[in-house]
Amino acid sequence: MTDFCPVSFPEEPTPDNCKECRECGLYEHGSRMVWGEGNPDAPIMVILDNPGLREDREGNEFVCGTRQTLQQVANNVGLNMDDLYVTYILKRKPTRSYEKEWVRETCMIHLSQQLQVKQPEFILCLGNVAVQSFFKNPDVDVKSLRGATHDVQGYLTMVAYHPLAVRRRPNLWGKFKEDWTNVANHYRLKGDSPPLR
């Protein structure tokens, strides 16, 4: 991986009618709600499991490892901030154990709302939690679905490993970049631009 300087993507404000959501219970112990970040009108929606750290211990703005790796691979394949909107299955980062299946299913209500409004051209699910939640199938995984396009809920969808998995296992970087290259090429072909090689 080459040197890359990550930046904080601008956050999209949480809609007023969702700010005080208490349906899933994460308001009791999760981080503040993060609706999404990047370009709200971007053609590519990236779905992760939950938000990463936003600030360090002193309260200074902080770009967590997940966002660093995501931005680095996007940069490597020629995508930029305007091309991407990043959102989450859970809009709060849990700080202790929770009823995973029920909470994820409950929080999908917010993602469905975002999809109705944004209508992205492509969706990229990163990691098994995002894949299983969005595909509505607990038995699927990234390893079996990556490298292909899928029609999920009417959206052209691709999958890739979670950025933290790539950081823990650098040998996954090649596959991770390959999947992002596929996304970038689909985007370019739709806009009649030459694909990456």
N, C-alpha and C. Protein backbone atom coordinates (compact mmCIF):
# COMPACT_ATOMS: atom_id res chain seq x y z
N MET A 1 0.84 -1.19 0.00
CA MET A 1 0.00 0.00 0.00
C MET A 1 0.88 1.24 0.00
N THR A 2 0.51 2.22 -0.80
CA THR A 2 1.29 3.44 -0.90
C THR A 2 0.89 4.43 0.18
N ASP A 3 1.77 5.42 0.40
CA ASP A 3 1.47 6.45 1.39
C ASP A 3 0.25 7.23 0.94
N PHE A 4 -0.61 7.55 1.91
CA PHE A 4 -1.83 8.28 1.60
C PHE A 4 -2.25 9.05 2.84
N CYS A 5 -2.68 10.27 2.66
CA CYS A 5 -3.09 11.11 3.79
C CYS A 5 -4.62 11.18 3.84
N PRO A 6 -5.25 10.49 4.79
CA PRO A 6 -6.71 10.50 4.86
C PRO A 6 -7.25 11.84 5.35
N VAL A 7 -8.49 12.11 5.00
CA VAL A 7 -9.17 13.32 5.44
C VAL A 7 -10.52 12.93 6.02
N SER A 8 -11.10 13.81 6.78
CA SER A 8 -12.44 13.56 7.31
C SER A 8 -13.47 13.89 6.24
N PHE A 9 -14.26 12.91 5.87
CA PHE A 9 -15.38 13.17 4.97
C PHE A 9 -16.41 14.01 5.72
N PRO A 10 -17.07 14.95 5.06
CA PRO A 10 -18.13 15.70 5.74
C PRO A 10 -19.29 14.78 6.08
N GLU A 11 -19.83 14.93 7.28
CA GLU A 11 -20.98 14.13 7.69
C GLU A 11 -22.28 14.72 7.17
N GLU A 12 -23.20 13.84 6.81
CA GLU A 12 -24.55 14.29 6.47
C GLU A 12 -25.35 14.36 7.76
N PRO A 13 -26.03 15.47 8.03
CA PRO A 13 -26.81 15.57 9.27
C PRO A 13 -27.87 14.47 9.35
N THR A 14 -28.07 13.96 10.54
CA THR A 14 -29.13 12.99 10.77
C THR A 14 -30.48 13.71 10.65
N PRO A 15 -31.42 13.14 9.91
CA PRO A 15 -32.75 13.78 9.81
C PRO A 15 -33.36 14.01 11.18
N ASP A 16 -34.06 15.12 11.32
CA ASP A 16 -34.63 15.49 12.61
C ASP A 16 -35.51 14.39 13.20
N ASN A 17 -36.26 13.69 12.33
CA ASN A 17 -37.19 12.68 12.84
C ASN A 17 -36.48 11.40 13.28
N CYS A 18 -35.16 11.33 13.08
CA CYS A 18 -34.40 10.13 13.48
C CYS A 18 -33.41 10.38 14.59
N LYS A 19 -33.13 11.65 14.90
CA LYS A 19 -32.08 11.98 15.87
C LYS A 19 -32.27 11.32 17.22
N GLU A 20 -33.50 11.22 17.66
CA GLU A 20 -33.78 10.67 18.99
C GLU A 20 -34.31 9.25 18.91
N CYS A 21 -33.99 8.54 17.83
CA CYS A 21 -34.50 7.18 17.65
C CYS A 21 -34.07 6.29 18.82
N ARG A 22 -35.04 5.54 19.38
CA ARG A 22 -34.75 4.65 20.49
C ARG A 22 -35.21 3.22 20.21
N GLU A 23 -35.48 2.94 18.95
CA GLU A 23 -36.04 1.63 18.59
C GLU A 23 -35.12 0.47 18.93
N CYS A 24 -33.81 0.62 18.68
CA CYS A 24 -32.90 -0.53 18.83
C CYS A 24 -32.22 -0.58 20.19
N GLY A 25 -32.28 0.49 20.96
CA GLY A 25 -31.66 0.50 22.28
C GLY A 25 -30.23 0.99 22.32
N LEU A 26 -29.59 1.21 21.15
CA LEU A 26 -28.19 1.64 21.16
C LEU A 26 -28.02 3.06 21.70
N TYR A 27 -29.10 3.82 21.78
CA TYR A 27 -28.98 5.18 22.32
C TYR A 27 -28.52 5.13 23.78
N GLU A 28 -28.73 3.99 24.45
CA GLU A 28 -28.35 3.87 25.86
C GLU A 28 -26.84 3.72 26.05
N HIS A 29 -26.15 3.16 25.05
CA HIS A 29 -24.71 2.92 25.26
C HIS A 29 -23.87 3.11 24.00
N GLY A 30 -24.48 3.45 22.88
CA GLY A 30 -23.71 3.65 21.66
C GLY A 30 -23.19 5.06 21.53
N SER A 31 -22.41 5.27 20.48
CA SER A 31 -21.91 6.61 20.18
C SER A 31 -23.06 7.50 19.71
N ARG A 32 -22.77 8.74 19.44
CA ARG A 32 -23.79 9.59 18.84
C ARG A 32 -24.17 9.03 17.48
N MET A 33 -25.34 9.38 16.99
CA MET A 33 -25.81 8.85 15.72
C MET A 33 -25.04 9.48 14.56
N VAL A 34 -24.57 8.66 13.64
CA VAL A 34 -23.90 9.11 12.43
C VAL A 34 -24.70 8.58 11.25
N TRP A 35 -25.35 9.48 10.52
CA TRP A 35 -26.24 9.08 9.43
C TRP A 35 -25.45 8.61 8.20
N GLY A 36 -24.39 9.34 7.88
CA GLY A 36 -23.56 8.99 6.73
C GLY A 36 -22.54 10.08 6.51
N GLU A 37 -21.62 9.83 5.58
CA GLU A 37 -20.58 10.83 5.29
C GLU A 37 -20.14 10.72 3.84
N GLY A 38 -19.53 11.79 3.37
CA GLY A 38 -19.16 11.86 1.97
C GLY A 38 -20.16 12.71 1.21
N ASN A 39 -20.37 12.40 -0.06
CA ASN A 39 -21.29 13.15 -0.90
C ASN A 39 -22.68 12.51 -0.82
N PRO A 40 -23.68 13.18 -0.23
CA PRO A 40 -25.01 12.59 -0.09
C PRO A 40 -25.67 12.23 -1.42
N ASP A 41 -25.20 12.85 -2.51
CA ASP A 41 -25.76 12.58 -3.84
C ASP A 41 -24.85 11.71 -4.70
N ALA A 42 -23.89 11.05 -4.08
CA ALA A 42 -22.92 10.24 -4.82
C ALA A 42 -23.58 9.05 -5.51
N PRO A 43 -23.01 8.61 -6.62
CA PRO A 43 -23.56 7.44 -7.33
C PRO A 43 -23.25 6.12 -6.64
N ILE A 44 -22.20 6.08 -5.80
CA ILE A 44 -21.78 4.85 -5.15
C ILE A 44 -22.04 4.96 -3.65
N MET A 45 -22.89 4.06 -3.14
CA MET A 45 -23.13 3.99 -1.70
C MET A 45 -22.32 2.84 -1.11
N VAL A 46 -21.50 3.15 -0.12
CA VAL A 46 -20.69 2.16 0.58
C VAL A 46 -21.37 1.88 1.93
N ILE A 47 -21.62 0.61 2.21
CA ILE A 47 -22.30 0.24 3.46
C ILE A 47 -21.33 -0.53 4.36
N LEU A 48 -21.15 -0.02 5.57
CA LEU A 48 -20.33 -0.66 6.60
C LEU A 48 -21.22 -1.11 7.76
N ASP A 49 -20.64 -1.82 8.71
CA ASP A 49 -21.42 -2.31 9.84
C ASP A 49 -21.85 -1.20 10.78
N ASN A 50 -20.92 -0.34 11.21
CA ASN A 50 -21.25 0.76 12.12
C ASN A 50 -20.17 1.83 12.02
N PRO A 51 -20.45 3.03 12.51
CA PRO A 51 -19.44 4.09 12.44
C PRO A 51 -18.21 3.75 13.26
N GLY A 52 -17.06 4.25 12.83
CA GLY A 52 -15.84 4.12 13.60
C GLY A 52 -15.69 5.30 14.53
N LEU A 53 -14.52 5.41 15.13
CA LEU A 53 -14.26 6.54 16.03
C LEU A 53 -14.27 7.85 15.25
N ARG A 54 -14.82 8.86 15.86
CA ARG A 54 -14.88 10.19 15.23
C ARG A 54 -13.87 11.15 15.84
N GLU A 55 -13.63 11.00 17.13
CA GLU A 55 -12.72 11.89 17.85
C GLU A 55 -11.76 11.06 18.70
N ASP A 56 -10.57 11.62 18.95
CA ASP A 56 -9.63 10.93 19.83
C ASP A 56 -9.99 11.22 21.29
N ARG A 57 -9.16 10.76 22.22
CA ARG A 57 -9.49 10.90 23.64
C ARG A 57 -9.58 12.35 24.09
N GLU A 58 -8.87 13.23 23.39
CA GLU A 58 -8.91 14.65 23.74
C GLU A 58 -10.04 15.39 23.04
N GLY A 59 -10.83 14.66 22.23
CA GLY A 59 -11.95 15.29 21.53
C GLY A 59 -11.59 15.88 20.19
N ASN A 60 -10.36 15.63 19.72
CA ASN A 60 -9.95 16.15 18.42
C ASN A 60 -10.46 15.23 17.30
N GLU A 61 -10.76 15.84 16.15
CA GLU A 61 -11.25 15.09 15.00
C GLU A 61 -10.27 13.98 14.65
N PHE A 62 -10.80 12.81 14.33
CA PHE A 62 -9.96 11.62 14.18
C PHE A 62 -10.48 10.78 13.02
N VAL A 63 -9.57 10.34 12.14
CA VAL A 63 -9.95 9.45 11.04
C VAL A 63 -9.52 8.04 11.43
N CYS A 64 -10.50 7.19 11.71
CA CYS A 64 -10.20 5.85 12.21
C CYS A 64 -9.59 4.97 11.10
N GLY A 65 -9.06 3.81 11.51
CA GLY A 65 -8.41 2.91 10.58
C GLY A 65 -9.31 2.45 9.45
N THR A 66 -10.58 2.21 9.75
CA THR A 66 -11.53 1.80 8.70
C THR A 66 -11.61 2.86 7.61
N ARG A 67 -11.76 4.11 8.02
CA ARG A 67 -11.92 5.18 7.03
C ARG A 67 -10.61 5.46 6.30
N GLN A 68 -9.49 5.30 7.00
CA GLN A 68 -8.19 5.47 6.34
C GLN A 68 -8.03 4.47 5.19
N THR A 69 -8.31 3.21 5.48
CA THR A 69 -8.13 2.16 4.47
C THR A 69 -9.14 2.31 3.34
N LEU A 70 -10.36 2.65 3.67
CA LEU A 70 -11.39 2.87 2.65
C LEU A 70 -10.97 4.01 1.71
N GLN A 71 -10.54 5.12 2.28
CA GLN A 71 -10.13 6.25 1.44
C GLN A 71 -8.90 5.92 0.61
N GLN A 72 -7.99 5.14 1.18
CA GLN A 72 -6.77 4.80 0.45
C GLN A 72 -7.09 3.95 -0.78
N VAL A 73 -7.93 2.93 -0.62
CA VAL A 73 -8.23 2.07 -1.77
C VAL A 73 -9.05 2.84 -2.80
N ALA A 74 -9.96 3.69 -2.35
CA ALA A 74 -10.74 4.49 -3.31
C ALA A 74 -9.80 5.37 -4.12
N ASN A 75 -8.85 6.00 -3.44
CA ASN A 75 -7.86 6.84 -4.12
C ASN A 75 -7.03 6.02 -5.11
N ASN A 76 -6.66 4.81 -4.74
CA ASN A 76 -5.84 3.95 -5.60
C ASN A 76 -6.55 3.57 -6.89
N VAL A 77 -7.89 3.47 -6.85
CA VAL A 77 -8.63 3.07 -8.05
C VAL A 77 -9.26 4.26 -8.77
N GLY A 78 -8.90 5.47 -8.33
CA GLY A 78 -9.34 6.66 -9.04
C GLY A 78 -10.69 7.21 -8.66
N LEU A 79 -11.22 6.81 -7.50
CA LEU A 79 -12.47 7.38 -7.01
C LEU A 79 -12.15 8.47 -5.99
N ASN A 80 -13.05 9.44 -5.87
CA ASN A 80 -12.82 10.52 -4.91
C ASN A 80 -14.05 10.75 -4.04
N MET A 81 -13.97 11.73 -3.18
CA MET A 81 -15.03 12.01 -2.22
C MET A 81 -16.38 12.23 -2.90
N ASP A 82 -16.37 12.88 -4.06
CA ASP A 82 -17.63 13.16 -4.75
C ASP A 82 -18.31 11.89 -5.27
N ASP A 83 -17.54 10.82 -5.45
CA ASP A 83 -18.09 9.57 -5.98
C ASP A 83 -18.74 8.71 -4.91
N LEU A 84 -18.44 8.98 -3.63
CA LEU A 84 -18.81 8.05 -2.56
C LEU A 84 -19.69 8.66 -1.49
N TYR A 85 -20.63 7.85 -1.05
CA TYR A 85 -21.40 8.15 0.16
C TYR A 85 -21.29 6.92 1.05
N VAL A 86 -20.82 7.10 2.27
CA VAL A 86 -20.59 5.99 3.20
C VAL A 86 -21.67 6.03 4.28
N THR A 87 -22.32 4.88 4.49
CA THR A 87 -23.31 4.81 5.56
C THR A 87 -23.18 3.45 6.25
N TYR A 88 -24.10 3.18 7.17
CA TYR A 88 -23.91 2.07 8.10
C TYR A 88 -25.21 1.31 8.35
N ILE A 89 -25.05 0.02 8.69
CA ILE A 89 -26.21 -0.75 9.14
C ILE A 89 -26.68 -0.20 10.48
N LEU A 90 -25.75 -0.05 11.43
CA LEU A 90 -26.05 0.59 12.71
C LEU A 90 -25.56 2.02 12.64
N LYS A 91 -26.39 2.96 13.01
CA LYS A 91 -26.00 4.37 12.92
C LYS A 91 -25.24 4.84 14.16
N ARG A 92 -25.13 3.99 15.15
CA ARG A 92 -24.32 4.29 16.34
C ARG A 92 -23.29 3.18 16.51
N LYS A 93 -22.13 3.53 17.01
CA LYS A 93 -21.10 2.53 17.31
C LYS A 93 -21.38 1.94 18.68
N PRO A 94 -21.68 0.64 18.77
CA PRO A 94 -21.96 0.04 20.09
C PRO A 94 -20.72 0.08 20.98
N THR A 95 -20.94 0.26 22.26
CA THR A 95 -19.82 0.27 23.21
C THR A 95 -19.86 -0.93 24.15
N ARG A 96 -20.92 -1.74 24.04
CA ARG A 96 -20.97 -3.00 24.79
C ARG A 96 -21.84 -3.98 24.03
N SER A 97 -21.99 -5.18 24.54
CA SER A 97 -22.73 -6.22 23.82
C SER A 97 -24.19 -5.83 23.63
N TYR A 98 -24.78 -6.36 22.59
CA TYR A 98 -26.18 -6.05 22.26
C TYR A 98 -26.77 -7.23 21.51
N GLU A 99 -28.09 -7.24 21.35
CA GLU A 99 -28.77 -8.32 20.63
C GLU A 99 -28.58 -8.10 19.13
N LYS A 100 -27.50 -8.67 18.61
CA LYS A 100 -27.04 -8.34 17.26
C LYS A 100 -28.11 -8.50 16.19
N GLU A 101 -28.72 -9.66 16.09
CA GLU A 101 -29.66 -9.91 15.00
C GLU A 101 -30.85 -8.96 15.05
N TRP A 102 -31.42 -8.78 16.23
CA TRP A 102 -32.59 -7.92 16.37
C TRP A 102 -32.24 -6.46 16.12
N VAL A 103 -31.12 -6.01 16.67
CA VAL A 103 -30.71 -4.61 16.51
C VAL A 103 -30.42 -4.30 15.04
N ARG A 104 -29.70 -5.19 14.37
CA ARG A 104 -29.39 -4.95 12.95
C ARG A 104 -30.65 -4.90 12.11
N GLU A 105 -31.56 -5.82 12.37
CA GLU A 105 -32.82 -5.83 11.62
C GLU A 105 -33.61 -4.55 11.87
N THR A 106 -33.64 -4.09 13.11
CA THR A 106 -34.35 -2.86 13.45
C THR A 106 -33.72 -1.66 12.75
N CYS A 107 -32.38 -1.59 12.76
CA CYS A 107 -31.69 -0.44 12.18
C CYS A 107 -31.76 -0.41 10.66
N MET A 108 -32.09 -1.53 10.03
CA MET A 108 -32.25 -1.54 8.57
C MET A 108 -33.35 -0.60 8.11
N ILE A 109 -34.25 -0.24 9.03
CA ILE A 109 -35.31 0.72 8.69
C ILE A 109 -34.69 2.03 8.21
N HIS A 110 -33.62 2.48 8.89
CA HIS A 110 -32.96 3.73 8.51
C HIS A 110 -32.28 3.59 7.15
N LEU A 111 -31.63 2.47 6.90
CA LEU A 111 -30.96 2.27 5.62
C LEU A 111 -31.99 2.24 4.49
N SER A 112 -33.12 1.61 4.72
CA SER A 112 -34.18 1.58 3.70
C SER A 112 -34.65 3.00 3.38
N GLN A 113 -34.73 3.83 4.41
CA GLN A 113 -35.11 5.23 4.22
C GLN A 113 -34.08 5.95 3.35
N GLN A 114 -32.81 5.72 3.63
CA GLN A 114 -31.75 6.35 2.84
C GLN A 114 -31.81 5.91 1.38
N LEU A 115 -32.04 4.63 1.15
CA LEU A 115 -32.08 4.12 -0.22
C LEU A 115 -33.24 4.73 -1.00
N GLN A 116 -34.38 4.88 -0.37
CA GLN A 116 -35.53 5.48 -1.04
C GLN A 116 -35.25 6.91 -1.47
N VAL A 117 -34.49 7.63 -0.65
CA VAL A 117 -34.18 9.02 -0.95
C VAL A 117 -33.05 9.13 -1.97
N LYS A 118 -32.01 8.33 -1.81
CA LYS A 118 -30.78 8.53 -2.58
C LYS A 118 -30.74 7.77 -3.90
N GLN A 119 -31.34 6.59 -3.96
CA GLN A 119 -31.35 5.80 -5.19
C GLN A 119 -29.97 5.72 -5.84
N PRO A 120 -28.98 5.15 -5.13
CA PRO A 120 -27.61 5.09 -5.69
C PRO A 120 -27.54 4.20 -6.93
N GLU A 121 -26.55 4.47 -7.77
CA GLU A 121 -26.34 3.64 -8.96
C GLU A 121 -25.70 2.31 -8.60
N PHE A 122 -24.82 2.32 -7.59
CA PHE A 122 -24.12 1.12 -7.16
C PHE A 122 -24.09 1.09 -5.64
N ILE A 123 -24.06 -0.14 -5.10
CA ILE A 123 -23.88 -0.32 -3.67
C ILE A 123 -22.70 -1.26 -3.47
N LEU A 124 -21.83 -0.91 -2.52
CA LEU A 124 -20.71 -1.75 -2.16
C LEU A 124 -20.82 -2.06 -0.67
N CYS A 125 -21.04 -3.33 -0.33
CA CYS A 125 -21.12 -3.76 1.07
C CYS A 125 -19.75 -4.24 1.51
N LEU A 126 -19.28 -3.71 2.64
CA LEU A 126 -17.96 -4.07 3.15
C LEU A 126 -18.09 -4.87 4.43
N GLY A 127 -17.67 -6.14 4.39
CA GLY A 127 -17.69 -6.99 5.56
C GLY A 127 -18.95 -7.81 5.68
N ASN A 128 -18.86 -8.90 6.43
CA ASN A 128 -19.97 -9.84 6.52
C ASN A 128 -21.22 -9.27 7.17
N VAL A 129 -21.07 -8.40 8.16
CA VAL A 129 -22.25 -7.83 8.81
C VAL A 129 -23.07 -7.03 7.81
N ALA A 130 -22.41 -6.18 7.04
CA ALA A 130 -23.12 -5.39 6.03
C ALA A 130 -23.73 -6.28 4.96
N VAL A 131 -22.97 -7.28 4.52
CA VAL A 131 -23.44 -8.18 3.47
C VAL A 131 -24.67 -8.96 3.95
N GLN A 132 -24.57 -9.59 5.11
CA GLN A 132 -25.68 -10.40 5.60
C GLN A 132 -26.93 -9.56 5.88
N SER A 133 -26.72 -8.35 6.38
CA SER A 133 -27.86 -7.47 6.68
C SER A 133 -28.53 -6.98 5.41
N PHE A 134 -27.73 -6.50 4.46
CA PHE A 134 -28.30 -5.94 3.24
C PHE A 134 -28.89 -7.03 2.34
N PHE A 135 -28.23 -8.19 2.27
CA PHE A 135 -28.74 -9.29 1.47
C PHE A 135 -29.89 -10.02 2.18
N LYS A 136 -30.12 -9.68 3.45
CA LYS A 136 -31.15 -10.31 4.27
C LYS A 136 -30.99 -11.83 4.29
N ASN A 137 -29.74 -12.25 4.49
CA ASN A 137 -29.42 -13.67 4.50
C ASN A 137 -28.24 -13.90 5.43
N PRO A 138 -28.45 -14.52 6.60
CA PRO A 138 -27.36 -14.71 7.56
C PRO A 138 -26.34 -15.75 7.13
N ASP A 139 -26.62 -16.47 6.05
CA ASP A 139 -25.73 -17.56 5.62
C ASP A 139 -24.73 -17.16 4.54
N VAL A 140 -24.83 -15.93 4.01
CA VAL A 140 -23.90 -15.52 2.96
C VAL A 140 -22.67 -14.86 3.59
N ASP A 141 -21.60 -14.75 2.81
CA ASP A 141 -20.41 -14.08 3.30
C ASP A 141 -19.64 -13.44 2.14
N VAL A 142 -18.70 -12.58 2.49
CA VAL A 142 -17.92 -11.86 1.48
C VAL A 142 -17.15 -12.83 0.60
N LYS A 143 -16.53 -13.82 1.21
CA LYS A 143 -15.67 -14.74 0.46
C LYS A 143 -16.40 -15.40 -0.69
N SER A 144 -17.67 -15.79 -0.48
CA SER A 144 -18.42 -16.49 -1.52
C SER A 144 -19.08 -15.56 -2.53
N LEU A 145 -19.23 -14.28 -2.19
CA LEU A 145 -19.98 -13.36 -3.05
C LEU A 145 -19.10 -12.35 -3.79
N ARG A 146 -17.87 -12.16 -3.32
CA ARG A 146 -17.02 -11.14 -3.95
C ARG A 146 -16.66 -11.56 -5.38
N GLY A 147 -16.31 -10.56 -6.20
CA GLY A 147 -15.90 -10.83 -7.57
C GLY A 147 -17.04 -10.90 -8.55
N ALA A 148 -18.26 -10.63 -8.09
CA ALA A 148 -19.43 -10.68 -8.98
C ALA A 148 -20.38 -9.53 -8.63
N THR A 149 -21.29 -9.25 -9.53
CA THR A 149 -22.33 -8.27 -9.26
C THR A 149 -23.61 -9.01 -8.89
N HIS A 150 -24.41 -8.38 -8.04
CA HIS A 150 -25.64 -8.99 -7.54
C HIS A 150 -26.76 -7.96 -7.60
N ASP A 151 -27.96 -8.43 -7.88
CA ASP A 151 -29.15 -7.58 -7.81
C ASP A 151 -29.78 -7.81 -6.45
N VAL A 152 -29.64 -6.82 -5.57
CA VAL A 152 -30.16 -6.94 -4.22
C VAL A 152 -31.13 -5.79 -3.97
N GLN A 153 -32.35 -6.12 -3.68
CA GLN A 153 -33.39 -5.12 -3.43
C GLN A 153 -33.50 -4.14 -4.60
N GLY A 154 -33.16 -4.62 -5.80
CA GLY A 154 -33.25 -3.78 -6.98
C GLY A 154 -32.03 -2.92 -7.25
N TYR A 155 -30.96 -3.12 -6.48
CA TYR A 155 -29.74 -2.32 -6.65
C TYR A 155 -28.58 -3.19 -7.11
N LEU A 156 -27.79 -2.66 -8.04
CA LEU A 156 -26.56 -3.32 -8.46
C LEU A 156 -25.60 -3.29 -7.28
N THR A 157 -25.24 -4.46 -6.78
CA THR A 157 -24.50 -4.56 -5.52
C THR A 157 -23.25 -5.41 -5.69
N MET A 158 -22.17 -4.95 -5.09
CA MET A 158 -20.93 -5.71 -5.03
C MET A 158 -20.47 -5.78 -3.58
N VAL A 159 -19.60 -6.72 -3.28
CA VAL A 159 -19.14 -6.88 -1.90
C VAL A 159 -17.62 -6.93 -1.86
N ALA A 160 -17.07 -6.57 -0.71
CA ALA A 160 -15.62 -6.64 -0.50
C ALA A 160 -15.37 -6.83 0.99
N TYR A 161 -14.13 -7.19 1.32
CA TYR A 161 -13.78 -7.37 2.72
C TYR A 161 -13.88 -6.05 3.49
N HIS A 162 -14.07 -6.16 4.78
CA HIS A 162 -14.11 -4.97 5.64
C HIS A 162 -12.71 -4.38 5.71
N PRO A 163 -12.59 -3.05 5.70
CA PRO A 163 -11.26 -2.43 5.78
C PRO A 163 -10.44 -2.88 6.97
N LEU A 164 -11.08 -3.13 8.11
CA LEU A 164 -10.31 -3.58 9.28
C LEU A 164 -9.76 -4.98 9.07
N ALA A 165 -10.48 -5.83 8.35
CA ALA A 165 -9.96 -7.16 8.03
C ALA A 165 -8.71 -7.04 7.17
N VAL A 166 -8.72 -6.08 6.25
CA VAL A 166 -7.57 -5.85 5.38
C VAL A 166 -6.39 -5.32 6.17
N ARG A 167 -6.65 -4.48 7.15
CA ARG A 167 -5.57 -3.95 7.99
C ARG A 167 -4.96 -5.07 8.84
N ARG A 168 -5.80 -5.97 9.32
CA ARG A 168 -5.30 -7.08 10.15
C ARG A 168 -4.59 -8.13 9.30
N ARG A 169 -5.05 -8.29 8.06
CA ARG A 169 -4.48 -9.32 7.18
C ARG A 169 -4.08 -8.66 5.85
N PRO A 170 -2.90 -8.06 5.80
CA PRO A 170 -2.46 -7.33 4.60
C PRO A 170 -2.49 -8.16 3.31
N ASN A 171 -2.48 -9.49 3.44
CA ASN A 171 -2.54 -10.33 2.23
C ASN A 171 -3.88 -10.19 1.51
N LEU A 172 -4.88 -9.60 2.18
CA LEU A 172 -6.19 -9.39 1.54
C LEU A 172 -6.22 -8.12 0.68
N TRP A 173 -5.17 -7.30 0.77
CA TRP A 173 -5.18 -6.02 0.05
C TRP A 173 -5.42 -6.20 -1.45
N GLY A 174 -4.79 -7.19 -2.06
CA GLY A 174 -4.95 -7.40 -3.50
C GLY A 174 -6.39 -7.67 -3.87
N LYS A 175 -7.07 -8.51 -3.11
CA LYS A 175 -8.48 -8.82 -3.39
C LYS A 175 -9.36 -7.60 -3.12
N PHE A 176 -9.01 -6.89 -2.04
CA PHE A 176 -9.76 -5.69 -1.68
C PHE A 176 -9.67 -4.66 -2.81
N LYS A 177 -8.47 -4.42 -3.31
CA LYS A 177 -8.29 -3.46 -4.40
C LYS A 177 -8.97 -3.96 -5.68
N GLU A 178 -8.92 -5.25 -5.93
CA GLU A 178 -9.56 -5.82 -7.11
C GLU A 178 -11.06 -5.56 -7.09
N ASP A 179 -11.70 -5.73 -5.93
CA ASP A 179 -13.14 -5.50 -5.83
C ASP A 179 -13.47 -4.02 -6.01
N TRP A 180 -12.66 -3.15 -5.44
CA TRP A 180 -12.88 -1.71 -5.63
C TRP A 180 -12.63 -1.31 -7.09
N THR A 181 -11.68 -1.94 -7.74
CA THR A 181 -11.44 -1.67 -9.16
C THR A 181 -12.66 -2.06 -9.98
N ASN A 182 -13.30 -3.17 -9.64
CA ASN A 182 -14.52 -3.59 -10.34
C ASN A 182 -15.63 -2.55 -10.18
N VAL A 183 -15.77 -2.03 -8.96
CA VAL A 183 -16.77 -0.99 -8.73
C VAL A 183 -16.45 0.25 -9.58
N ALA A 184 -15.19 0.68 -9.53
CA ALA A 184 -14.78 1.87 -10.28
C ALA A 184 -15.01 1.67 -11.78
N ASN A 185 -14.73 0.48 -12.29
CA ASN A 185 -14.90 0.22 -13.72
C ASN A 185 -16.36 0.21 -14.12
N HIS A 186 -17.24 -0.35 -13.29
CA HIS A 186 -18.68 -0.30 -13.57
C HIS A 186 -19.14 1.15 -13.65
N TYR A 187 -18.65 1.95 -12.73
CA TYR A 187 -19.00 3.36 -12.68
C TYR A 187 -18.50 4.08 -13.94
N ARG A 188 -17.26 3.80 -14.33
CA ARG A 188 -16.68 4.45 -15.51
C ARG A 188 -17.38 4.01 -16.80
N LEU A 189 -17.69 2.73 -16.90
CA LEU A 189 -18.35 2.23 -18.12
C LEU A 189 -19.73 2.86 -18.28
N LYS A 190 -20.41 3.07 -17.16
CA LYS A 190 -21.72 3.71 -17.24
C LYS A 190 -21.57 5.15 -17.73
N GLY A 191 -20.43 5.76 -17.41
CA GLY A 191 -20.19 7.13 -17.86
C GLY A 191 -19.34 7.21 -19.11
N ASP A 192 -19.15 6.05 -19.79
CA ASP A 192 -18.39 5.97 -21.04
C ASP A 192 -16.92 6.37 -20.88
N SER A 193 -16.37 6.15 -19.69
CA SER A 193 -14.95 6.39 -19.49
C SER A 193 -14.20 5.07 -19.58
N PRO A 194 -12.94 5.08 -20.00
CA PRO A 194 -12.20 3.83 -20.12
C PRO A 194 -11.96 3.17 -18.77
N PRO A 195 -12.08 1.84 -18.67
CA PRO A 195 -11.86 1.17 -17.38
C PRO A 195 -10.40 1.14 -17.01
N LEU A 196 -10.15 0.91 -15.70
CA LEU A 196 -8.79 0.71 -15.21
C LEU A 196 -8.30 -0.66 -15.63
N ARG A 197 -7.00 -0.80 -15.79
CA ARG A 197 -6.40 -2.09 -16.15
C ARG A 197 -5.43 -2.50 -15.05
